[in-house]
Protein backbone atom coordinates (compact mmCIF):
# COMPACT_ATOMS: atom_id res chain seq x y z
CA MET A 1 43.45 -53.15 -42.95
CA GLY A 2 40.16 -53.23 -41.16
CA ASP A 3 40.87 -52.19 -37.91
CA VAL A 4 42.78 -49.15 -39.19
CA CYS A 5 39.77 -47.89 -40.81
CA GLU A 6 37.50 -48.59 -37.83
CA LYS A 7 40.39 -46.46 -35.77
CA LYS A 8 39.86 -43.39 -38.40
CA GLU A 9 36.45 -43.52 -38.77
CA GLU A 10 36.12 -43.10 -34.55
CA LYS A 11 38.89 -40.65 -34.50
CA GLY A 12 36.98 -37.99 -36.98
CA ALA A 13 33.71 -38.68 -35.26
CA VAL A 14 35.55 -37.81 -31.83
CA GLU A 15 36.72 -34.56 -34.10
CA GLU A 16 33.41 -33.70 -35.25
CA GLN A 17 31.96 -34.12 -31.41
CA LYS A 18 34.52 -31.50 -30.23
CA THR A 19 33.94 -28.96 -33.21
CA THR A 20 30.32 -29.33 -32.03
CA ARG A 21 30.42 -28.73 -28.32
CA SER A 22 33.00 -26.19 -28.99
CA PHE A 23 30.34 -23.76 -30.90
CA SER A 24 27.71 -24.10 -28.05
CA SER A 25 27.71 -25.84 -24.37
CA ALA A 26 24.52 -25.01 -24.21
CA SER A 27 21.54 -27.43 -24.95
CA VAL A 28 17.70 -27.73 -24.68
CA LEU A 29 15.55 -30.59 -25.47
CA SER A 30 14.06 -30.63 -28.84
CA ALA A 31 10.31 -31.92 -29.33
CA THR A 32 11.40 -35.52 -30.18
CA GLY A 33 12.96 -35.89 -26.49
CA GLY A 34 16.72 -35.37 -27.73
CA SER A 35 18.86 -32.26 -26.70
CA ARG A 36 19.80 -29.60 -29.65
CA GLN A 37 22.43 -26.48 -29.44
CA LEU A 38 20.94 -23.21 -28.78
CA SER A 39 21.10 -20.50 -31.57
CA ASP A 40 23.23 -17.06 -31.35
CA LYS A 41 19.91 -15.56 -31.52
CA GLU A 42 17.92 -17.75 -28.85
CA ARG A 43 20.99 -17.31 -26.20
CA ALA A 44 20.83 -13.57 -27.16
CA GLN A 45 17.21 -13.34 -26.33
CA ARG A 46 17.18 -15.30 -23.37
CA GLU A 47 20.18 -12.91 -22.00
CA LYS A 48 18.08 -10.12 -22.26
CA ALA A 49 15.02 -11.21 -20.87
CA LYS A 50 17.00 -12.03 -17.88
CA ARG A 51 18.54 -8.56 -17.75
CA ARG A 52 14.95 -7.08 -18.27
CA ARG A 53 13.68 -9.05 -15.13
CA LYS A 54 16.59 -8.15 -13.18
CA LYS A 55 16.21 -4.33 -14.27
CA HIS A 56 12.48 -4.15 -12.89
CA ARG A 57 12.71 -5.65 -9.55
CA ALA A 58 11.89 -2.73 -7.70
CA TYR A 59 9.51 -0.31 -8.07
CA LYS A 60 10.44 2.81 -10.15
CA GLN A 61 11.08 5.95 -8.25
CA HIS A 62 11.74 9.72 -10.07
CA ASN A 63 14.60 11.67 -8.80
CA LEU A 64 13.78 14.02 -5.91
CA LYS A 65 16.08 16.63 -7.03
CA ASP A 66 14.55 16.96 -10.40
CA MET A 67 11.06 17.83 -8.24
CA GLN A 68 9.06 20.64 -6.94
CA GLN A 69 8.95 20.15 -3.01
CA PHE A 70 6.83 21.94 -0.44
CA THR A 71 6.61 22.20 3.09
CA LEU A 72 3.52 20.90 4.69
CA CYS A 73 1.88 24.81 5.06
CA GLU A 74 2.84 25.05 1.03
CA ALA A 75 1.01 22.25 0.30
CA MET A 76 -2.06 23.39 2.13
CA ARG A 77 -1.90 26.95 1.22
CA TYR A 78 -4.65 29.23 -0.87
CA THR A 79 -4.56 32.59 -2.10
CA ILE A 80 -8.06 34.91 -2.23
CA SER A 81 -7.51 37.28 -5.05
CA ASN A 82 -10.31 39.53 -4.12
CA ALA A 83 -12.05 39.07 -0.85
CA SER A 84 -15.22 41.05 -1.92
CA SER A 85 -15.89 38.79 -4.73
CA ALA A 86 -17.12 35.55 -5.06
CA ALA A 87 -14.42 34.83 -7.93
CA TYR A 88 -11.03 33.31 -6.53
CA GLN A 89 -8.13 32.97 -8.11
CA LEU A 90 -5.18 31.07 -7.66
CA THR A 91 -1.53 32.54 -7.61
CA GLY A 92 1.99 30.70 -8.14
CA SER A 93 1.41 27.00 -7.98
CA ARG A 94 -1.41 24.90 -7.43
CA TYR A 95 -2.04 24.48 -3.54
CA ILE A 96 -4.54 22.09 -2.29
CA LYS A 97 -7.01 24.28 -0.37
CA ALA A 98 -7.82 26.30 -3.44
CA PHE A 99 -8.93 22.62 -5.25
CA GLU A 100 -11.67 22.49 -2.18
CA LEU A 101 -13.15 26.25 -2.14
CA GLY A 102 -16.69 25.80 -1.56
CA GLN A 103 -16.81 22.31 0.01
CA ASN A 104 -18.02 21.25 3.23
CA PRO A 105 -14.82 21.20 5.61
CA ASP A 106 -15.43 18.00 6.95
CA THR A 107 -16.09 16.15 3.53
CA PRO A 108 -12.28 16.37 1.78
CA LYS A 109 -9.79 14.52 3.31
CA TYR A 110 -5.88 14.68 3.58
CA ASP A 111 -4.44 11.84 1.93
CA ILE A 112 -0.60 11.10 2.38
CA HIS A 113 1.10 8.41 0.24
CA VAL A 114 4.25 7.32 1.41
CA LYS A 115 5.94 6.04 -1.64
CA LEU A 116 8.54 3.14 -0.68
CA ARG A 117 11.75 1.85 -2.11
CA THR A 118 11.24 -1.51 -2.54
CA LYS A 119 11.16 -4.90 -4.47
CA LYS A 120 8.21 -5.55 -6.05
CA ASP A 121 7.96 -9.27 -4.59
CA GLY A 122 8.15 -10.45 -0.67
CA ALA A 123 6.38 -8.91 2.15
CA VAL A 124 4.22 -5.88 2.45
CA VAL A 125 3.42 -3.52 5.24
CA ARG A 126 0.30 -3.67 6.57
CA ASN A 127 -1.22 -2.62 10.24
CA ASN A 128 -3.73 0.00 12.01
CA VAL A 129 -2.20 3.39 13.63
CA ARG A 130 -4.11 5.30 15.88
CA LEU A 131 -3.89 8.98 15.01
CA PRO A 132 -3.55 12.11 17.41
CA TYR A 133 -6.50 13.40 15.97
CA PRO A 134 -9.31 10.74 14.43
CA VAL A 135 -10.41 11.06 10.86
CA LYS A 136 -13.14 9.17 10.72
CA THR A 137 -15.08 8.69 14.27
CA ASP A 138 -17.99 6.80 12.98
CA LEU A 139 -16.73 3.77 11.78
CA LYS A 140 -19.21 0.76 11.54
CA ILE A 141 -17.47 -2.44 13.14
CA ALA A 142 -18.92 -5.74 12.51
CA VAL A 143 -18.17 -8.35 15.11
CA ILE A 144 -18.17 -11.91 14.30
CA CYS A 145 -18.73 -14.12 17.62
CA PRO A 146 -21.36 -16.15 19.24
CA PRO A 147 -24.24 -13.79 19.20
CA ASP A 148 -25.37 -14.88 23.22
CA SER A 149 -21.46 -15.12 24.13
CA THR A 150 -19.68 -12.95 26.82
CA ALA A 151 -17.55 -11.41 23.69
CA ALA A 152 -20.30 -10.42 21.94
CA LYS A 153 -21.79 -8.35 25.12
CA GLY A 154 -18.75 -6.49 25.24
CA ALA A 155 -18.44 -5.83 21.70
CA ARG A 156 -22.14 -4.17 21.83
CA ALA A 157 -21.07 -2.34 24.94
CA ALA A 158 -18.09 -0.88 23.15
CA GLY A 159 -20.41 0.64 20.10
CA ALA A 160 -20.11 -2.29 17.74
CA PHE A 161 -22.52 -1.82 14.44
CA MET A 162 -22.99 -5.68 14.13
CA VAL A 163 -22.58 -8.32 16.38
CA GLY A 164 -23.20 -12.03 15.70
CA GLU A 165 -22.39 -15.07 12.74
CA GLU A 166 -25.06 -16.11 11.02
CA GLU A 167 -26.69 -12.53 10.44
CA ILE A 168 -23.27 -11.64 9.45
CA PHE A 169 -22.61 -14.31 7.28
CA GLU A 170 -25.86 -13.89 5.12
CA ARG A 171 -25.11 -10.07 4.45
CA VAL A 172 -21.73 -10.75 3.52
CA LYS A 173 -22.81 -13.66 0.75
CA ALA A 174 -25.67 -11.27 -0.69
CA GLY A 175 -23.03 -8.69 -0.83
CA LYS A 176 -24.44 -6.00 1.69
CA ILE A 177 -21.05 -4.93 3.08
CA ASP A 178 -22.27 -1.89 4.92
CA PHE A 179 -19.52 -1.90 7.40
CA ASP A 180 -15.99 -0.61 7.60
CA ARG A 181 -14.31 -2.84 10.10
CA VAL A 182 -14.35 -6.76 10.86
CA ILE A 183 -13.23 -7.93 14.24
CA ALA A 184 -13.60 -11.82 14.83
CA VAL A 185 -13.09 -14.43 17.87
CA PRO A 186 -10.89 -17.36 17.06
CA GLU A 187 -13.35 -19.63 17.35
CA SER A 188 -15.73 -18.34 14.42
CA LEU A 189 -12.63 -18.20 12.15
CA ALA A 190 -13.49 -22.02 11.15
CA LYS A 191 -17.06 -21.15 10.62
CA MET A 192 -16.14 -17.84 8.42
CA GLY A 193 -13.61 -20.49 6.13
CA LYS A 194 -16.81 -23.22 5.87
CA GLU A 195 -19.20 -20.38 4.54
CA GLY A 196 -16.61 -19.16 2.04
CA ILE A 197 -16.40 -15.55 4.06
CA PRO A 198 -12.43 -15.03 3.39
CA ARG A 199 -12.94 -15.49 -0.52
CA ILE A 200 -15.35 -12.40 -0.26
CA LEU A 201 -13.92 -9.90 2.76
CA GLY A 202 -10.18 -10.54 1.41
CA PRO A 203 -10.02 -9.09 -1.26
CA ARG A 204 -11.66 -6.01 0.14
CA GLY A 205 -9.37 -5.85 3.07
CA LEU A 206 -12.08 -6.60 5.58
CA MET A 207 -10.62 -9.97 6.66
CA PRO A 208 -9.76 -10.37 10.56
CA ASN A 209 -6.23 -11.00 10.84
CA VAL A 210 -3.84 -12.06 14.04
CA LYS A 211 -1.04 -9.80 12.87
CA MET A 212 -3.44 -7.18 12.60
CA GLY A 213 -4.97 -7.33 15.73
CA SER A 214 -8.71 -7.93 14.63
CA VAL A 215 -8.53 -11.53 15.74
CA VAL A 216 -9.19 -11.47 19.36
CA THR A 217 -10.91 -12.94 22.50
CA ASN A 218 -12.25 -10.07 24.03
CA PRO A 219 -13.46 -7.72 21.23
CA GLY A 220 -14.84 -4.60 23.42
CA PRO A 221 -11.21 -3.36 23.70
CA ALA A 222 -10.37 -3.88 20.14
CA VAL A 223 -13.59 -1.81 19.23
CA ARG A 224 -12.75 0.98 21.14
CA GLY A 225 -9.54 1.06 20.02
CA LEU A 226 -10.49 0.75 16.25
CA MET A 227 -13.03 3.85 16.59
CA GLY A 228 -10.21 6.29 16.43
CA GLY A 229 -7.67 4.20 14.48
CA SER A 230 -6.59 3.61 10.89
CA THR A 231 -6.14 0.96 8.79
CA TYR A 232 -3.01 1.06 6.00
CA ARG A 233 -1.78 -1.37 3.66
CA GLU A 234 0.83 -0.86 1.18
CA ARG A 235 0.00 -1.46 -2.60
CA GLN A 236 2.34 -1.27 -5.46
CA GLY A 237 5.04 -0.20 -3.51
CA VAL A 238 2.85 2.53 -2.14
CA VAL A 239 1.31 2.99 1.54
CA ARG A 240 -1.96 5.91 1.33
CA MET A 241 -4.27 6.50 4.26
CA ALA A 242 -6.47 9.37 5.15
CA VAL A 243 -4.48 11.62 7.70
CA GLY A 244 -6.90 14.89 8.18
CA ARG A 245 -10.14 16.59 7.34
CA LEU A 246 -9.91 19.95 5.33
CA SER A 247 -11.22 21.53 8.51
CA PHE A 248 -7.92 20.63 10.53
CA SER A 249 -5.23 23.19 11.18
CA PRO A 250 -1.92 22.66 9.77
CA GLU A 251 -0.77 21.40 13.53
CA MET A 252 -3.06 19.06 13.74
CA LEU A 253 -2.46 17.69 9.93
CA ARG A 254 1.34 17.91 11.24
CA ASP A 255 0.76 15.42 14.06
CA ASN A 256 -1.26 13.16 12.29
CA VAL A 257 1.40 12.83 9.29
CA LYS A 258 4.45 12.11 11.78
CA ALA A 259 2.29 9.37 13.72
CA TYR A 260 1.31 7.64 10.41
CA VAL A 261 5.10 8.01 8.70
CA SER A 262 6.38 6.95 12.11
CA ALA A 263 4.15 3.82 11.79
CA VAL A 264 5.23 2.93 8.63
CA LYS A 265 8.90 3.17 9.14
CA LYS A 266 8.32 0.92 12.36
CA ASP A 267 6.74 -1.77 10.42
CA ALA A 268 9.26 -1.73 7.64
CA ALA A 269 11.82 -1.99 10.19
CA SER A 270 10.66 -4.95 11.55
CA LEU A 271 10.42 -7.06 8.45
CA SER A 272 12.65 -9.63 7.75
CA ASP A 273 16.39 -8.39 7.13
CA GLN A 274 16.33 -10.08 4.05
CA ILE A 275 13.24 -7.49 3.05
CA ALA A 276 14.52 -4.28 2.42
CA LYS A 277 12.01 -1.46 2.82
CA GLU A 278 12.53 2.37 3.25
CA VAL A 279 10.43 5.86 3.06
CA TYR A 280 11.59 7.35 -0.34
CA GLU A 281 9.21 9.99 -0.76
CA VAL A 282 6.03 11.52 1.19
CA VAL A 283 3.40 13.04 -0.59
CA LEU A 284 0.25 15.01 0.19
CA SER A 285 -2.82 15.29 -1.55
CA SER A 286 -6.85 16.00 -1.44
CA THR A 287 -10.13 14.32 -2.40
CA ASN A 288 -10.14 16.68 -5.65
CA SER A 289 -6.23 18.12 -5.26
CA PRO A 290 -3.15 16.47 -7.14
CA GLY A 291 -0.44 15.23 -5.17
CA PHE A 292 2.54 17.47 -3.43
CA SER A 293 5.64 16.18 -2.50
CA LEU A 294 6.35 17.16 0.77
CA ASN A 295 10.36 18.21 2.00
CA GLY A 296 9.92 17.18 5.71
CA ASP A 297 9.70 21.09 6.90
CA PHE A 298 6.51 22.32 8.59
CA TYR A 299 6.65 25.96 7.50
CA ARG A 300 8.62 28.26 5.42
CA PRO A 301 8.78 32.27 6.38
CA GLY A 302 8.80 34.30 3.32
CA PRO A 303 7.16 37.08 1.60
CA GLY A 304 3.08 36.08 0.60
CA ASN A 305 3.56 32.12 2.45
CA ALA A 306 0.52 31.84 4.33
CA THR A 307 1.15 31.38 8.00
CA PRO A 308 -0.28 28.20 10.07
CA GLN A 309 -2.67 30.59 11.90
CA GLN A 310 -4.01 32.15 8.32
CA LEU A 311 -4.28 27.97 7.06
CA ALA A 312 -6.10 27.08 10.38
CA VAL A 313 -9.24 29.54 9.13
CA VAL A 314 -11.39 27.31 6.55
């Protein structure tokens, strides 16, 4: 009789266990160390969070079909309503040069924003490019190397703003960073790390890097190359860089834009096959103007459209 009762109890426990498992196969650790079943509400919240993470893994891009786009000359265009008066009016769309009226032609800069179709995590595009028409020719370049070395002599002869080790380290730690680029020789990298220089220069994008060509054994040619070069770096799916001054003609700006966008495309293509990046949109702006999405054309003839020759006059 006792055996029969024990068997019935075991059978009831097994059926109860099956009923519990059929309700939910998912389990989590409880505060006491055991496992408990997830409720329907908890499972729904987890699924929702998972879908949200998948949904926003890439940067959001606007549909270009719904946007007004411009040729390069249209984006540069400006109209003077009355040549004999000091009052200027903008007719039609907003154009960049109208926002820069009265400014020194060499002060405002044209910027190109290259928007990439890319995921939020992973490698970023970063490099140097030598534009056909340099935007900034008065770059201050610091070269970190032993002050009495052959490398130091070559850097000074190439026009480096500052050359040495301890002197530059002290200025950086004091916050006196009055140079635009930094080049270092390989043997000075260990000293830079010991002095904590990477923690200061890194966030500013000034830390020498082998891939960027700013860690070299012979800094002289590197200094001369940087004098007419520009550096760009992807941030939040956008690569931004100055590509011209207001005094540049449309043809000069066109050549610089082509060189810059081609360099970004080349860098994006050279990344790992598992990291997909492609140029989605190119936007032109200036120091005081909004951005204008470019359609890839240089000039479109039409009534009232300023010609490249007219735009070359500042």
